[in-house]
Each structure stands twice: as structure tokens, then as C-alpha cells.
């Protein structure tokens, strides 16, 4: 337990070195990885979205590949293609960048829906099918995507099926004034990340993921989550939350409890991750990340813990 606290404390400290004032966002994203979830980070350019992903890949020891999504990107540019080799008269599969332990899908909503949908099977099944052949992805495969706020030039809305594959969606937000001053006075964030040593290995992360699944969620906690789901289904102003959303809330709450050294979930764990997990699933029409989180918090406020 003491070793766990040291590791997580080091992660938080290093996050503050790279992104002053953004330790909580780093821990939230790390929590999503621990329950095998994918992450969508939304904010205007220049807020540190890509830096956060690069930082997490570094400290977790993950191989990271980056795809810059644009309106002319094709699904084959992500998944890979079969190449014909005349020397043996056979087709050979050339893997795309999706074959990585961590895929940074940068500015995901700058690509049309057809290209975005190339990620759907990979995010759900951790494999891709090309020309009828299944190709497994690494066991730690995680998508960390960034997107610009709706309404910005050159953006396409993400289909609901795509949004639902993301365990969490949250904004970076502006850092506090003193943190931004430290950012201005400090070295290049890229240099800071590149000089860091890994705190974990992919094998260690896989072992932690198994530990997270063993964290207990009592009947009382599960009933609390059910009441939250049912409240959304009674509302005429919200999209009803699906059973998948409830499963994701419990998964994330287990991981958050684990990061706090507990083998059981408290209602406070659910409350801490709730807006990030369900916010993007609630609006009846496309909304900004801040509005999505407001809806999630408002829903929580209507449901008593007991």
C-alpha cells in the first residue's frame, strides 16, 4: 500500500511539472486507463491536450502512435492495408498506426464520420478486421482522442455510437494564474516529458487492471448508480442513460477507489467520476463539454445517496 501511494504521488507530482495546475486531469485520465477505458479530451487548441496524452504514455511506458485527423484521412490510413507482393504473388497486411499500446487520435472531429468509425471495432473489441481477417491489438490498447469544441471551422460532430465508446470525456480548462505563470517561466513541456523516466510498465498496468476489477461495489452503491440512471430516464430534457453507461460508471468508480488505496467503492467515488463518464451521453443535441458536465452534476444533485 505504501508503494502504491508513492507511485501515485510521483505520478501526480510529475503531472504538475509538465502541466502546472492540471494534476487532477492527469489522475482522471490515468483512472480511465486502469479500467480499460478510452478518453476524449475537448478544448480549444493550445490547452495542453496532446501534452497530457504524451505525458501519460511516457510515465506508463506505453508505445504511443499519433494520427492527425484531417478531412482527407481514410480508414486505411489508420487501420492498415493489404499490399500485393509480386515476388510471391500474395497480399501481405501492412499494419497502420492503430497497432499501438496507446493511440493518440489528435483532433478526432476534423475527420468525417466514415473515418472516425474506423476506430469503433478497435475500441470495443481491441481488434480490427481488414478484408475479412481479424488482427488483434495490444492488450493495453487505449485510445486517447482530442477534439476541438463544436462550431470551430472544419469540425464534424462525432456520431453517438462513437461518443458512447469513450469511457470519459472532459475539458482541460485554463490553469490557475500562478500555474500559468510557472508554465510561462519554465522549459519546453515537450523537453520535460522527453526527459522523464517511466513509472510503470505495460505489464504492471495490466496487473493493476486486474486488481481494479476485484474492487467491490456493494449493493448500496449499485442501487445509487441505478437511481442515477433511472433519474435520467424520467427526464424529458436528457437523453436516457444506457446500461453501458451504468457499467462504465461502476468501472470508473472502482478504478478511482483503487487509486485511493481502497478495495471497495464509496458513493464519493461515483460522484467524482460521474460527470466525466456520463456528461457526453446526456445532451439531446450536440453540446459543449462544460454544458455536458453541468448536466451530469445537475443529475447527481437530484438523486440522494441513500
Protein backbone atom coordinates (compact mmCIF):
# COMPACT_ATOMS: atom_id res chain seq x y z
CA UNK A 1 0.00 0.00 0.00
CA UNK A 2 2.85 2.36 0.81
CA UNK A 3 4.47 1.59 -2.55
CA UNK A 4 1.15 2.36 -4.26
CA UNK A 5 0.87 5.74 -2.56
CA UNK A 6 4.45 6.54 -3.59
CA UNK A 7 3.83 5.62 -7.24
CA UNK A 8 0.61 7.62 -7.46
CA UNK A 9 2.19 10.55 -5.63
CA UNK A 10 5.06 10.53 -8.12
CA UNK A 11 2.57 10.47 -11.00
CA UNK A 12 0.70 13.47 -9.60
CA UNK A 13 3.93 15.37 -8.92
CA UNK A 14 5.27 14.73 -12.40
CA UNK A 15 1.96 15.79 -13.93
CA UNK A 16 2.28 19.14 -12.17
CA UNK A 17 5.83 19.51 -13.50
CA UNK A 18 4.60 19.06 -17.06
CA UNK A 19 1.19 20.75 -16.74
CA UNK A 20 1.07 23.11 -13.76
CA UNK A 21 -2.37 23.09 -12.18
CA UNK A 22 -3.53 20.01 -14.11
CA UNK A 23 -2.74 17.14 -11.77
CA UNK A 24 -6.41 16.25 -11.32
CA UNK A 25 -6.97 15.92 -15.08
CA UNK A 26 -3.93 13.62 -15.31
CA UNK A 27 -5.25 11.42 -12.49
CA UNK A 28 -8.70 11.27 -14.09
CA UNK A 29 -7.20 10.09 -17.40
CA UNK A 30 -4.96 7.59 -15.60
CA UNK A 31 -8.02 6.24 -13.81
CA UNK A 32 -9.72 5.61 -17.16
CA UNK A 33 -6.73 3.57 -18.34
CA UNK A 34 -6.84 1.48 -15.16
CA UNK A 35 -10.38 0.32 -16.03
CA UNK A 36 -9.52 -0.23 -19.71
CA UNK A 37 -11.40 2.83 -20.88
CA UNK A 38 -10.86 5.26 -23.75
CA UNK A 39 -10.66 9.03 -23.24
CA UNK A 40 -11.85 12.06 -25.19
CA UNK A 41 -10.39 15.45 -24.23
CA UNK A 42 -12.12 18.53 -25.61
CA UNK A 43 -10.84 22.09 -25.56
CA UNK A 44 -9.59 24.86 -27.81
CA UNK A 45 -6.10 24.46 -29.31
CA UNK A 46 -3.15 25.21 -27.05
CA UNK A 47 -4.61 23.99 -23.76
CA UNK A 48 -2.28 21.01 -23.32
CA UNK A 49 -4.48 18.15 -24.55
CA UNK A 50 -1.73 16.49 -26.57
CA UNK A 51 0.81 17.14 -23.81
CA UNK A 52 -1.37 15.25 -21.34
CA UNK A 53 -1.53 12.23 -23.63
CA UNK A 54 2.21 12.24 -24.31
CA UNK A 55 2.89 12.54 -20.58
CA UNK A 56 0.71 9.56 -19.71
CA UNK A 57 2.25 7.43 -22.45
CA UNK A 58 5.69 8.27 -21.07
CA UNK A 59 5.03 7.52 -17.40
CA UNK A 60 3.10 4.32 -18.19
CA UNK A 61 5.83 3.05 -20.52
CA UNK A 62 3.39 2.69 -23.42
CA UNK A 63 4.35 2.77 -27.07
CA UNK A 64 2.38 5.70 -28.47
CA UNK A 65 1.45 6.40 -32.07
CA UNK A 66 -0.22 9.58 -33.23
CA UNK A 67 -2.73 10.11 -36.02
CA UNK A 68 -3.55 13.68 -37.02
CA UNK A 69 -7.18 13.53 -38.13
CA UNK A 70 -8.00 15.64 -41.19
CA UNK A 71 -10.89 15.78 -43.64
CA UNK A 72 -8.96 13.74 -46.24
CA UNK A 73 -7.84 10.96 -43.87
CA UNK A 74 -9.02 7.49 -44.95
CA UNK A 75 -9.84 4.47 -42.74
CA UNK A 76 -6.93 2.56 -44.32
CA UNK A 77 -4.55 5.28 -43.13
CA UNK A 78 -5.47 4.24 -39.58
CA UNK A 79 -6.10 0.50 -39.80
CA UNK A 80 -3.57 -0.51 -42.41
CA UNK A 81 -3.82 -2.02 -45.89
CA UNK A 82 -3.05 -5.24 -47.73
CA UNK A 83 -0.12 -4.83 -50.13
CA UNK A 84 0.40 -7.13 -53.11
CA UNK A 85 3.91 -8.54 -53.39
CA UNK A 86 4.66 -9.79 -56.89
CA UNK A 87 7.68 -11.83 -55.75
CA UNK A 88 5.41 -14.36 -54.02
CA UNK A 89 2.12 -13.31 -55.64
CA UNK A 90 0.44 -12.81 -52.28
CA UNK A 91 -1.16 -9.97 -50.34
CA UNK A 92 0.52 -9.01 -47.06
CA UNK A 93 -1.09 -6.89 -44.39
CA UNK A 94 0.78 -3.71 -43.51
CA UNK A 95 -0.45 -2.58 -40.05
CA UNK A 96 -1.50 1.04 -39.59
CA UNK A 97 -0.76 3.25 -36.59
CA UNK A 98 -3.72 1.83 -34.68
CA UNK A 99 -1.46 -1.10 -33.76
CA UNK A 100 -0.04 0.60 -30.68
CA UNK A 101 -0.41 0.38 -26.92
CA UNK A 102 -1.71 3.94 -26.93
CA UNK A 103 -3.20 5.71 -29.94
CA UNK A 104 -3.36 9.50 -29.87
CA UNK A 105 -6.25 10.41 -32.18
CA UNK A 106 -5.50 14.11 -32.48
CA UNK A 107 -8.36 16.45 -33.42
CA UNK A 108 -10.67 13.50 -33.99
CA UNK A 109 -13.61 15.66 -35.05
CA UNK A 110 -11.74 17.13 -38.02
CA UNK A 111 -12.34 13.87 -39.91
CA UNK A 112 -15.71 12.83 -41.37
CA UNK A 113 -17.83 10.12 -39.76
CA UNK A 114 -16.62 7.36 -42.10
CA UNK A 115 -13.03 7.84 -40.94
CA UNK A 116 -14.00 8.27 -37.29
CA UNK A 117 -15.88 4.97 -37.46
CA UNK A 118 -12.64 3.15 -38.28
CA UNK A 119 -11.98 3.20 -34.53
CA UNK A 120 -15.28 1.62 -33.46
CA UNK A 121 -14.36 -2.07 -33.60
CA UNK A 122 -10.90 -1.43 -32.17
CA UNK A 123 -12.29 0.48 -29.18
CA UNK A 124 -14.91 -2.18 -28.46
CA UNK A 125 -13.08 -5.43 -29.23
CA UNK A 126 -9.39 -4.49 -29.28
CA UNK A 127 -9.02 -5.94 -32.74
CA UNK A 128 -9.54 -4.76 -36.30
CA UNK A 129 -10.92 -6.64 -39.28
CA UNK A 130 -9.41 -5.88 -42.67
CA UNK A 131 -10.66 -7.75 -45.74
CA UNK A 132 -12.28 -10.39 -43.54
CA UNK A 133 -9.19 -11.11 -41.46
CA UNK A 134 -9.08 -10.31 -37.72
CA UNK A 135 -5.93 -8.67 -36.40
CA UNK A 136 -5.59 -8.41 -32.59
CA UNK A 137 -4.35 -5.21 -30.99
CA UNK A 138 -2.01 -4.96 -27.97
CA UNK A 139 -3.62 -5.95 -24.66
CA UNK A 140 -3.18 -2.41 -23.31
CA UNK A 141 -4.64 -0.75 -26.43
CA UNK A 142 -6.11 2.60 -25.43
CA UNK A 143 -7.45 5.48 -27.50
CA UNK A 144 -6.86 8.96 -26.12
CA UNK A 145 -8.52 11.36 -28.51
CA UNK A 146 -8.59 15.13 -28.58
CA UNK A 147 -11.17 17.30 -30.25
CA UNK A 148 -11.90 20.98 -30.75
CA UNK A 149 -15.14 22.50 -29.43
CA UNK A 150 -18.18 22.30 -31.66
CA UNK A 151 -18.63 25.17 -34.06
CA UNK A 152 -14.94 25.61 -34.81
CA UNK A 153 -14.11 25.74 -38.51
CA UNK A 154 -13.52 22.37 -40.16
CA UNK A 155 -15.07 20.15 -37.48
CA UNK A 156 -17.60 17.32 -37.82
CA UNK A 157 -19.82 16.09 -34.98
CA UNK A 158 -18.96 12.68 -33.55
CA UNK A 159 -21.73 10.08 -34.08
CA UNK A 160 -23.45 8.93 -30.90
CA UNK A 161 -22.08 5.41 -31.38
CA UNK A 162 -18.56 6.86 -31.44
CA UNK A 163 -19.09 9.04 -28.37
CA UNK A 164 -20.51 6.10 -26.44
CA UNK A 165 -17.26 4.16 -26.89
CA UNK A 166 -15.39 6.75 -24.80
CA UNK A 167 -15.45 5.98 -21.10
CA UNK A 168 -14.67 9.58 -20.21
CA UNK A 169 -14.83 13.00 -21.82
CA UNK A 170 -13.53 16.09 -20.06
CA UNK A 171 -12.05 19.52 -20.82
CA UNK A 172 -8.55 20.67 -19.91
CA UNK A 173 -9.56 24.19 -18.91
CA UNK A 174 -7.34 27.16 -18.17
CA UNK A 175 -4.73 26.69 -15.44
CA UNK A 176 -4.81 28.91 -12.34
CA UNK A 177 -2.87 32.18 -12.71
CA UNK A 178 0.17 31.08 -10.70
CA UNK A 179 0.27 27.76 -12.55
CA UNK A 180 0.17 29.56 -15.90
CA UNK A 181 2.98 31.84 -14.74
CA UNK A 182 5.08 28.76 -13.89
CA UNK A 183 4.25 27.40 -17.33
CA UNK A 184 5.47 30.60 -18.99
CA UNK A 185 8.67 30.69 -16.96
CA UNK A 186 9.54 27.02 -17.29
CA UNK A 187 11.22 24.94 -20.00
CA UNK A 188 9.53 23.42 -23.02
CA UNK A 189 6.83 20.95 -21.97
CA UNK A 190 8.00 18.56 -24.69
CA UNK A 191 11.52 18.57 -23.26
CA UNK A 192 10.21 17.93 -19.74
CA UNK A 193 8.20 14.91 -20.92
CA UNK A 194 11.04 13.52 -23.03
CA UNK A 195 13.41 13.57 -20.06
CA UNK A 196 11.08 11.65 -17.75
CA UNK A 197 11.55 8.01 -16.88
CA UNK A 198 8.62 5.60 -16.88
CA UNK A 199 6.93 4.93 -13.54
CA UNK A 200 5.12 1.84 -14.78
CA UNK A 201 5.39 -0.80 -17.50
CA UNK A 202 2.61 -2.16 -19.73
CA UNK A 203 2.78 -5.40 -17.75
CA UNK A 204 2.33 -3.50 -14.48
CA UNK A 205 -0.67 -1.63 -15.90
CA UNK A 206 -2.25 -4.92 -16.99
CA UNK A 207 -1.75 -6.30 -13.47
CA UNK A 208 -3.37 -3.19 -11.96
CA UNK A 209 -6.32 -3.50 -14.35
CA UNK A 210 -6.96 -6.98 -12.95
CA UNK A 211 -6.78 -5.63 -9.39
CA UNK A 212 -9.29 -2.91 -10.27
CA UNK A 213 -11.86 -5.49 -11.41
CA UNK A 214 -11.65 -7.05 -7.94
CA UNK A 215 -12.62 -3.81 -6.16
CA UNK A 216 -16.00 -4.39 -4.51
CA UNK A 217 -19.11 -2.34 -5.28
CA UNK A 218 -21.73 -3.01 -2.62
CA UNK A 219 -25.46 -3.36 -3.28
CA UNK A 220 -25.95 0.09 -1.77
CA UNK A 221 -23.50 1.64 -4.27
CA UNK A 222 -25.06 -0.24 -7.18
CA UNK A 223 -28.53 0.93 -6.10
CA UNK A 224 -27.21 4.51 -6.05
CA UNK A 225 -25.93 4.13 -9.63
CA UNK A 226 -29.29 2.63 -10.67
CA UNK A 227 -31.15 5.60 -9.20
CA UNK A 228 -28.93 7.95 -11.21
CA UNK A 229 -29.67 6.00 -14.39
CA UNK A 230 -33.40 5.95 -13.66
CA UNK A 231 -33.47 9.69 -12.99
CA UNK A 232 -32.02 10.34 -16.45
CA UNK A 233 -34.71 8.10 -17.98
CA UNK A 234 -37.50 10.08 -16.31
CA UNK A 235 -36.22 13.38 -17.64
CA UNK A 236 -37.59 14.96 -20.82
CA UNK A 237 -34.53 17.20 -21.08
CA UNK A 238 -31.86 14.48 -21.06
CA UNK A 239 -31.01 11.51 -23.20
CA UNK A 240 -31.68 8.38 -21.10
CA UNK A 241 -28.52 6.69 -19.89
CA UNK A 242 -28.00 3.18 -21.21
CA UNK A 243 -26.90 0.09 -19.25
CA UNK A 244 -23.46 0.59 -20.87
CA UNK A 245 -23.26 4.00 -19.19
CA UNK A 246 -24.05 2.40 -15.83
CA UNK A 247 -21.37 -0.23 -16.36
CA UNK A 248 -18.86 2.48 -17.22
CA UNK A 249 -19.74 4.46 -14.08
CA UNK A 250 -19.10 1.39 -11.91
CA UNK A 251 -15.86 0.56 -13.75
CA UNK A 252 -14.52 4.10 -13.32
CA UNK A 253 -15.60 4.27 -9.67
CA UNK A 254 -13.74 1.02 -8.97
CA UNK A 255 -10.59 2.44 -10.54
CA UNK A 256 -10.90 5.72 -8.63
CA UNK A 257 -11.32 3.79 -5.38
CA UNK A 258 -8.21 1.75 -6.21
CA UNK A 259 -6.13 4.90 -6.73
CA UNK A 260 -7.13 5.90 -3.20
CA UNK A 261 -5.93 2.61 -1.74
CA UNK A 262 -9.36 1.06 -1.14
CA UNK A 263 -10.72 -2.34 -2.14
CA UNK A 264 -14.31 -1.09 -2.07
CA UNK A 265 -16.27 1.72 -3.74
CA UNK A 266 -17.81 4.63 -1.86
CA UNK A 267 -20.58 6.90 -3.19
CA UNK A 268 -17.96 9.66 -3.27
CA UNK A 269 -16.03 7.67 -5.89
CA UNK A 270 -19.12 7.56 -8.09
CA UNK A 271 -19.68 11.28 -7.64
CA UNK A 272 -16.11 12.17 -8.51
CA UNK A 273 -16.09 10.44 -11.90
CA UNK A 274 -19.79 10.74 -12.77
CA UNK A 275 -19.81 13.92 -14.87
CA UNK A 276 -16.77 12.82 -16.90
CA UNK A 277 -18.33 9.40 -17.61
CA UNK A 278 -21.92 10.37 -18.44
CA UNK A 279 -21.78 14.04 -19.45
CA UNK A 280 -21.25 13.36 -23.16
CA UNK A 281 -24.14 10.86 -23.17
CA UNK A 282 -26.79 13.20 -21.71
CA UNK A 283 -27.50 16.10 -24.13
CA UNK A 284 -30.39 15.69 -26.55
CA UNK A 285 -28.29 17.53 -29.13
CA UNK A 286 -24.60 18.32 -29.50
CA UNK A 287 -23.31 20.44 -26.62
CA UNK A 288 -20.03 21.75 -25.33
CA UNK A 289 -18.04 19.86 -22.71
CA UNK A 290 -18.79 22.40 -19.96
CA UNK A 291 -22.53 22.07 -20.57
CA UNK A 292 -22.28 18.28 -20.57
CA UNK A 293 -20.58 18.29 -17.18
CA UNK A 294 -23.16 20.74 -15.85
CA UNK A 295 -25.91 18.32 -16.86
CA UNK A 296 -24.10 15.48 -15.12
CA UNK A 297 -23.73 17.45 -11.90
CA UNK A 298 -27.36 18.59 -12.04
CA UNK A 299 -28.49 14.99 -12.40
CA UNK A 300 -26.44 13.97 -9.36
CA UNK A 301 -27.96 16.78 -7.33
CA UNK A 302 -31.45 15.29 -7.85
CA UNK A 303 -30.56 11.84 -6.52
CA UNK A 304 -29.88 11.22 -2.82
CA UNK A 305 -27.11 8.83 -1.86
CA UNK A 306 -29.42 6.88 0.45
